Amino acid sequence: MEVDEKNGSKEDKEEDKDIKEVEQEEDDITESDVNKPSDEDLMKVIRYLIAAGCDVNLPGPDGMTALHMAAQHGGLAACRLLLEEGRALVDARDHGGWTPLVWAAENSHPDVVSLLLEWGADAAARDAEGNGVVHWCALHGDANSLRLLLHAAPHAHAHTNAHADTPLSVIIIITTNQGIEYDDHVIGCSLDIRLGQ
């Protein structure tokens, strides 16, 4: 057996490597699977908090309510629960003027967009920069949400933002500048657009 007095044998190094890989796999399983509560348990917790009197419309970070956060992350069941049992304000605005509908559309969650529209969300709402929900759908290429929004607000496609951009001009700029970084033009904030990611 070959032994390097400084670093140990080659076999020891290989064994250490194998042990580290197994430990990493065990850590991944423990963190992501074992300790994760079920969706049913999470809905129970939300229901209990609402029953205990939690104000679902109380703004948190950046002025976002619970409905903003649930919509942002595509939590359809949580959104439904907040609307039905918590009496969440469907058109509440965060510090940037975004409604839960904007968050759902911007993050490509058409099922949440549909639910919010059913609850009367304003499909023509605009943020502080004048961007409508349709601008955000165009920016992220979310055709499913866009179809729902244009059905609810047929003239929203003609709205311009603070930079005089329509949703169509937003998507044209993106499709002709794929992968190019640009600042303070289309949506009024720094963007790094890389389609297909």
C-alpha atoms as a PDB file:
ATOM      1  CA  MET A   1       0.000   0.000   0.000  1.00  0.00           C
ATOM      2  CA  GLU A   2       1.291   3.438  -0.959  1.00  0.00           C
ATOM      3  CA  VAL A   3       1.524   5.844   1.951  1.00  0.00           C
ATOM      4  CA  ASP A   4       2.255   9.524   1.820  1.00  0.00           C
ATOM      5  CA  GLU A   5       3.374  10.375   5.348  1.00  0.00           C
ATOM      6  CA  LYS A   6       2.037  13.937   5.074  1.00  0.00           C
ATOM      7  CA  ASN A   7      -1.374  13.191   3.581  1.00  0.00           C
ATOM      8  CA  GLY A   8      -2.120   9.519   4.398  1.00  0.00           C
ATOM      9  CA  SER A   9      -2.772   6.741   1.912  1.00  0.00           C
ATOM     10  CA  LYS A  10      -4.598   7.093  -1.379  1.00  0.00           C
ATOM     11  CA  GLU A  11      -7.177   4.637  -0.066  1.00  0.00           C
ATOM     12  CA  ASP A  12      -7.799   6.822   2.996  1.00  0.00           C
ATOM     13  CA  LYS A  13      -8.368   9.854   0.783  1.00  0.00           C
ATOM     14  CA  GLU A  14     -10.862   7.974  -1.379  1.00  0.00           C
ATOM     15  CA  GLU A  15     -12.665   6.662   1.708  1.00  0.00           C
ATOM     16  CA  ASP A  16     -12.876  10.182   3.177  1.00  0.00           C
ATOM     17  CA  LYS A  17     -14.309  11.449  -0.100  1.00  0.00           C
ATOM     18  CA  ASP A  18     -16.955   8.690  -0.126  1.00  0.00           C
ATOM     19  CA  ILE A  19     -17.911   9.437   3.480  1.00  0.00           C
ATOM     20  CA  LYS A  20     -18.304  13.149   2.745  1.00  0.00           C
ATOM     21  CA  GLU A  21     -20.565  12.391  -0.242  1.00  0.00           C
ATOM     22  CA  VAL A  22     -22.797  10.114   1.862  1.00  0.00           C
ATOM     23  CA  GLU A  23     -22.973  12.703   4.663  1.00  0.00           C
ATOM     24  CA  GLN A  24     -23.946  15.403   2.152  1.00  0.00           C
ATOM     25  CA  GLU A  25     -26.709  13.185   0.733  1.00  0.00           C
ATOM     26  CA  GLU A  26     -28.003  12.510   4.273  1.00  0.00           C
ATOM     27  CA  ASP A  27     -27.967  16.254   5.064  1.00  0.00           C
ATOM     28  CA  ASP A  28     -29.917  17.004   1.883  1.00  0.00           C
ATOM     29  CA  ILE A  29     -32.568  14.411   2.739  1.00  0.00           C
ATOM     30  CA  THR A  30     -32.821  15.548   6.357  1.00  0.00           C
ATOM     31  CA  GLU A  31     -33.178  19.229   5.546  1.00  0.00           C
ATOM     32  CA  SER A  32     -35.548  19.029   2.594  1.00  0.00           C
ATOM     33  CA  ASP A  33     -37.730  16.009   3.338  1.00  0.00           C
ATOM     34  CA  VAL A  34     -37.812  15.040   6.992  1.00  0.00           C
ATOM     35  CA  ASN A  35     -38.390  18.446   8.581  1.00  0.00           C
ATOM     36  CA  LYS A  36     -40.752  19.840   5.966  1.00  0.00           C
ATOM     37  CA  PRO A  37     -44.358  20.170   7.158  1.00  0.00           C
ATOM     38  CA  SER A  38     -47.091  18.945   4.857  1.00  0.00           C
ATOM     39  CA  ASP A  39     -49.193  21.408   2.871  1.00  0.00           C
ATOM     40  CA  GLU A  40     -52.194  20.293   4.910  1.00  0.00           C
ATOM     41  CA  ASP A  41     -50.386  21.143   8.158  1.00  0.00           C
ATOM     42  CA  LEU A  42     -49.387  24.548   6.798  1.00  0.00           C
ATOM     43  CA  MET A  43     -52.992  25.338   5.857  1.00  0.00           C
ATOM     44  CA  LYS A  44     -54.059  24.338   9.396  1.00  0.00           C
ATOM     45  CA  VAL A  45     -51.517  26.757  10.851  1.00  0.00           C
ATOM     46  CA  ILE A  46     -52.781  29.595   8.642  1.00  0.00           C
ATOM     47  CA  ARG A  47     -56.376  28.738   9.574  1.00  0.00           C
ATOM     48  CA  TYR A  48     -55.510  28.734  13.316  1.00  0.00           C
ATOM     49  CA  LEU A  49     -53.729  32.077  13.049  1.00  0.00           C
ATOM     50  CA  ILE A  50     -56.697  33.623  11.240  1.00  0.00           C
ATOM     51  CA  ALA A  51     -59.086  32.193  13.870  1.00  0.00           C
ATOM     52  CA  ALA A  52     -56.853  33.620  16.606  1.00  0.00           C
ATOM     53  CA  GLY A  53     -57.354  37.085  15.130  1.00  0.00           C
ATOM     54  CA  CYS A  54     -54.239  37.666  13.035  1.00  0.00           C
ATOM     55  CA  ASP A  55     -54.756  40.599  10.675  1.00  0.00           C
ATOM     56  CA  VAL A  56     -54.083  39.170   7.218  1.00  0.00           C
ATOM     57  CA  ASN A  57     -53.986  42.703   5.808  1.00  0.00           C
ATOM     58  CA  LEU A  58     -51.218  43.920   8.115  1.00  0.00           C
ATOM     59  CA  PRO A  59     -48.306  44.958   5.887  1.00  0.00           C
ATOM     60  CA  GLY A  60     -44.941  43.381   6.521  1.00  0.00           C
ATOM     61  CA  PRO A  61     -41.660  43.758   4.639  1.00  0.00           C
ATOM     62  CA  ASP A  62     -41.878  46.310   1.834  1.00  0.00           C
ATOM     63  CA  GLY A  63     -45.569  46.818   2.587  1.00  0.00           C
ATOM     64  CA  MET A  64     -46.469  43.309   1.482  1.00  0.00           C
ATOM     65  CA  THR A  65     -49.440  41.554   3.065  1.00  0.00           C
ATOM     66  CA  ALA A  66     -49.795  37.805   3.497  1.00  0.00           C
ATOM     67  CA  LEU A  67     -51.742  37.715   0.218  1.00  0.00           C
ATOM     68  CA  HIS A  68     -48.902  39.502  -1.618  1.00  0.00           C
ATOM     69  CA  MET A  69     -46.420  36.888  -0.382  1.00  0.00           C
ATOM     70  CA  ALA A  70     -48.673  33.910  -1.106  1.00  0.00           C
ATOM     71  CA  ALA A  71     -49.357  35.233  -4.629  1.00  0.00           C
ATOM     72  CA  GLN A  72     -45.656  35.897  -5.251  1.00  0.00           C
ATOM     73  CA  HIS A  73     -44.761  32.289  -4.464  1.00  0.00           C
ATOM     74  CA  GLY A  74     -47.720  30.671  -6.211  1.00  0.00           C
ATOM     75  CA  GLY A  75     -49.457  29.511  -3.040  1.00  0.00           C
ATOM     76  CA  LEU A  76     -52.889  28.903  -4.521  1.00  0.00           C
ATOM     77  CA  ALA A  77     -54.328  27.186  -1.430  1.00  0.00           C
ATOM     78  CA  ALA A  78     -52.921  29.872   0.867  1.00  0.00           C
ATOM     79  CA  CYS A  79     -54.341  32.638  -1.348  1.00  0.00           C
ATOM     80  CA  ARG A  80     -57.757  30.987  -1.357  1.00  0.00           C
ATOM     81  CA  LEU A  81     -57.684  30.586   2.429  1.00  0.00           C
ATOM     82  CA  LEU A  82     -56.616  34.203   2.989  1.00  0.00           C
ATOM     83  CA  LEU A  83     -59.405  35.458   0.723  1.00  0.00           C
ATOM     84  CA  GLU A  84     -62.170  33.170   2.000  1.00  0.00           C
ATOM     85  CA  GLU A  85     -61.462  33.054   5.724  1.00  0.00           C
ATOM     86  CA  GLY A  86     -59.155  35.983   6.289  1.00  0.00           C
ATOM     87  CA  ARG A  87     -60.962  38.580   4.209  1.00  0.00           C
ATOM     88  CA  ALA A  88     -57.694  39.613   2.576  1.00  0.00           C
ATOM     89  CA  LEU A  89     -57.831  42.803   0.517  1.00  0.00           C
ATOM     90  CA  VAL A  90     -57.427  41.593  -3.047  1.00  0.00           C
ATOM     91  CA  ASP A  91     -56.075  44.932  -4.338  1.00  0.00           C
ATOM     92  CA  ALA A  92     -53.841  45.900  -1.394  1.00  0.00           C
ATOM     93  CA  ARG A  93     -50.705  47.733  -2.551  1.00  0.00           C
ATOM     94  CA  ASP A  94     -47.174  47.302  -1.303  1.00  0.00           C
ATOM     95  CA  HIS A  95     -44.587  50.117  -1.162  1.00  0.00           C
ATOM     96  CA  GLY A  96     -43.958  49.841  -4.921  1.00  0.00           C
ATOM     97  CA  GLY A  97     -47.666  49.982  -5.717  1.00  0.00           C
ATOM     98  CA  TRP A  98     -47.798  46.272  -6.563  1.00  0.00           C
ATOM     99  CA  THR A  99     -50.978  44.334  -5.887  1.00  0.00           C
ATOM    100  CA  PRO A 100     -51.039  40.574  -5.227  1.00  0.00           C
ATOM    101  CA  LEU A 101     -52.144  40.194  -8.868  1.00  0.00           C
ATOM    102  CA  VAL A 102     -48.942  41.881 -10.074  1.00  0.00           C
ATOM    103  CA  TRP A 103     -46.864  39.547  -7.900  1.00  0.00           C
ATOM    104  CA  ALA A 104     -48.661  36.455  -9.222  1.00  0.00           C
ATOM    105  CA  ALA A 105     -48.339  37.567 -12.856  1.00  0.00           C
ATOM    106  CA  GLU A 106     -44.721  38.698 -12.504  1.00  0.00           C
ATOM    107  CA  ASN A 107     -43.806  35.264 -11.158  1.00  0.00           C
ATOM    108  CA  SER A 108     -45.830  33.312 -13.752  1.00  0.00           C
ATOM    109  CA  HIS A 109     -48.539  31.819 -11.533  1.00  0.00           C
ATOM    110  CA  PRO A 110     -51.609  31.756 -13.827  1.00  0.00           C
ATOM    111  CA  ASP A 111     -53.650  29.669 -11.382  1.00  0.00           C
ATOM    112  CA  VAL A 112     -53.225  32.382  -8.741  1.00  0.00           C
ATOM    113  CA  VAL A 113     -53.920  35.096 -11.350  1.00  0.00           C
ATOM    114  CA  SER A 114     -57.192  33.334 -12.183  1.00  0.00           C
ATOM    115  CA  LEU A 115     -58.194  33.071  -8.514  1.00  0.00           C
ATOM    116  CA  LEU A 116     -57.437  36.739  -7.827  1.00  0.00           C
ATOM    117  CA  LEU A 117     -59.420  37.812 -10.887  1.00  0.00           C
ATOM    118  CA  GLU A 118     -62.353  35.683  -9.667  1.00  0.00           C
ATOM    119  CA  TRP A 119     -62.175  37.625  -6.409  1.00  0.00           C
ATOM    120  CA  GLY A 120     -62.362  40.931  -8.272  1.00  0.00           C
ATOM    121  CA  ALA A 121     -58.697  41.931  -8.540  1.00  0.00           C
ATOM    122  CA  ASP A 122     -58.147  44.951 -10.792  1.00  0.00           C
ATOM    123  CA  ALA A 123     -56.546  43.606 -13.983  1.00  0.00           C
ATOM    124  CA  ALA A 124     -55.718  47.174 -15.052  1.00  0.00           C
ATOM    125  CA  ALA A 125     -53.940  48.150 -11.805  1.00  0.00           C
ATOM    126  CA  ARG A 126     -50.576  49.870 -12.217  1.00  0.00           C
ATOM    127  CA  ASP A 127     -47.562  50.129  -9.953  1.00  0.00           C
ATOM    128  CA  ALA A 128     -45.662  53.262  -8.893  1.00  0.00           C
ATOM    129  CA  GLU A 129     -43.808  53.318 -12.255  1.00  0.00           C
ATOM    130  CA  GLY A 130     -47.031  53.043 -14.251  1.00  0.00           C
ATOM    131  CA  ASN A 131     -46.437  49.414 -15.204  1.00  0.00           C
ATOM    132  CA  GLY A 132     -49.613  47.416 -15.457  1.00  0.00           C
ATOM    133  CA  VAL A 133     -49.989  43.749 -14.730  1.00  0.00           C
ATOM    134  CA  VAL A 134     -49.859  43.197 -18.501  1.00  0.00           C
ATOM    135  CA  HIS A 135     -46.388  44.855 -18.627  1.00  0.00           C
ATOM    136  CA  TRP A 136     -45.135  42.303 -16.102  1.00  0.00           C
ATOM    137  CA  CYS A 137     -46.650  39.381 -18.022  1.00  0.00           C
ATOM    138  CA  ALA A 138     -44.945  40.641 -21.175  1.00  0.00           C
ATOM    139  CA  LEU A 139     -41.629  41.041 -19.359  1.00  0.00           C
ATOM    140  CA  HIS A 140     -41.724  37.443 -18.157  1.00  0.00           C
ATOM    141  CA  GLY A 141     -43.322  35.901 -21.236  1.00  0.00           C
ATOM    142  CA  ASP A 142     -46.284  34.527 -19.284  1.00  0.00           C
ATOM    143  CA  ALA A 143     -48.839  33.959 -22.055  1.00  0.00           C
ATOM    144  CA  ASN A 144     -51.252  32.035 -19.811  1.00  0.00           C
ATOM    145  CA  SER A 145     -51.624  34.869 -17.297  1.00  0.00           C
ATOM    146  CA  LEU A 146     -51.659  37.425 -20.112  1.00  0.00           C
ATOM    147  CA  ARG A 147     -54.650  35.729 -21.744  1.00  0.00           C
ATOM    148  CA  LEU A 148     -56.574  35.843 -18.445  1.00  0.00           C
ATOM    149  CA  LEU A 149     -55.696  39.493 -17.840  1.00  0.00           C
ATOM    150  CA  LEU A 150     -56.606  40.687 -21.330  1.00  0.00           C
ATOM    151  CA  HIS A 151     -59.937  38.907 -21.028  1.00  0.00           C
ATOM    152  CA  ALA A 152     -60.582  40.776 -17.754  1.00  0.00           C
ATOM    153  CA  ALA A 153     -59.196  44.136 -18.960  1.00  0.00           C
ATOM    154  CA  PRO A 154     -59.188  44.190 -22.792  1.00  0.00           C
ATOM    155  CA  HIS A 155     -57.703  47.696 -23.043  1.00  0.00           C
ATOM    156  CA  ALA A 156     -54.814  47.100 -20.624  1.00  0.00           C
ATOM    157  CA  HIS A 157     -52.501  46.298 -23.550  1.00  0.00           C
ATOM    158  CA  ALA A 158     -52.531  49.992 -24.518  1.00  0.00           C
ATOM    159  CA  HIS A 159     -51.373  51.347 -21.135  1.00  0.00           C
ATOM    160  CA  THR A 160     -47.993  53.042 -21.039  1.00  0.00           C
ATOM    161  CA  ASN A 161     -45.617  53.191 -18.101  1.00  0.00           C
ATOM    162  CA  ALA A 162     -43.536  56.148 -16.856  1.00  0.00           C
ATOM    163  CA  HIS A 163     -41.139  55.591 -19.784  1.00  0.00           C
ATOM    164  CA  ALA A 164     -43.969  55.563 -22.358  1.00  0.00           C
ATOM    165  CA  ASP A 165     -43.512  51.811 -22.911  1.00  0.00           C
ATOM    166  CA  THR A 166     -46.530  49.677 -23.750  1.00  0.00           C
ATOM    167  CA  PRO A 167     -46.530  45.948 -22.936  1.00  0.00           C
ATOM    168  CA  LEU A 168     -45.853  45.297 -26.630  1.00  0.00           C
ATOM    169  CA  SER A 169     -42.797  47.562 -26.656  1.00  0.00           C
ATOM    170  CA  VAL A 170     -41.529  45.751 -23.539  1.00  0.00           C
ATOM    171  CA  ILE A 171     -41.649  42.351 -25.236  1.00  0.00           C
ATOM    172  CA  ILE A 172     -40.154  43.732 -28.477  1.00  0.00           C
ATOM    173  CA  ILE A 173     -37.197  45.189 -26.567  1.00  0.00           C
ATOM    174  CA  ILE A 174     -36.682  41.869 -24.801  1.00  0.00           C
ATOM    175  CA  THR A 175     -36.903  39.729 -27.939  1.00  0.00           C
ATOM    176  CA  THR A 176     -34.449  41.929 -29.820  1.00  0.00           C
ATOM    177  CA  ASN A 177     -31.961  42.225 -26.928  1.00  0.00           C
ATOM    178  CA  GLN A 178     -31.851  38.708 -25.508  1.00  0.00           C
ATOM    179  CA  GLY A 179     -29.245  38.285 -22.824  1.00  0.00           C
ATOM    180  CA  ILE A 180     -28.256  41.959 -22.779  1.00  0.00           C
ATOM    181  CA  GLU A 181     -28.226  43.884 -19.528  1.00  0.00           C
ATOM    182  CA  TYR A 182     -29.947  47.249 -19.519  1.00  0.00           C
ATOM    183  CA  ASP A 183     -30.958  49.694 -16.805  1.00  0.00           C
ATOM    184  CA  ASP A 184     -33.830  52.057 -16.071  1.00  0.00           C
ATOM    185  CA  HIS A 185     -35.688  51.729 -19.327  1.00  0.00           C
ATOM    186  CA  VAL A 186     -38.415  49.168 -19.776  1.00  0.00           C
ATOM    187  CA  ILE A 187     -39.678  48.723 -16.242  1.00  0.00           C
ATOM    188  CA  GLY A 188     -37.895  51.491 -14.400  1.00  0.00           C
ATOM    189  CA  CYS A 189     -35.476  49.298 -12.466  1.00  0.00           C
ATOM    190  CA  SER A 190     -32.264  47.416 -13.128  1.00  0.00           C
ATOM    191  CA  LEU A 191     -32.879  44.278 -15.120  1.00  0.00           C
ATOM    192  CA  ASP A 192     -30.793  41.448 -16.462  1.00  0.00           C
ATOM    193  CA  ILE A 193     -32.972  39.745 -19.039  1.00  0.00           C
ATOM    194  CA  ARG A 194     -32.007  36.267 -20.150  1.00  0.00           C
ATOM    195  CA  LEU A 195     -34.868  34.511 -21.846  1.00  0.00           C
ATOM    196  CA  GLY A 196     -35.140  30.797 -21.473  1.00  0.00           C
ATOM    197  CA  GLN A 197     -33.884  30.643 -17.887  1.00  0.00           C
END
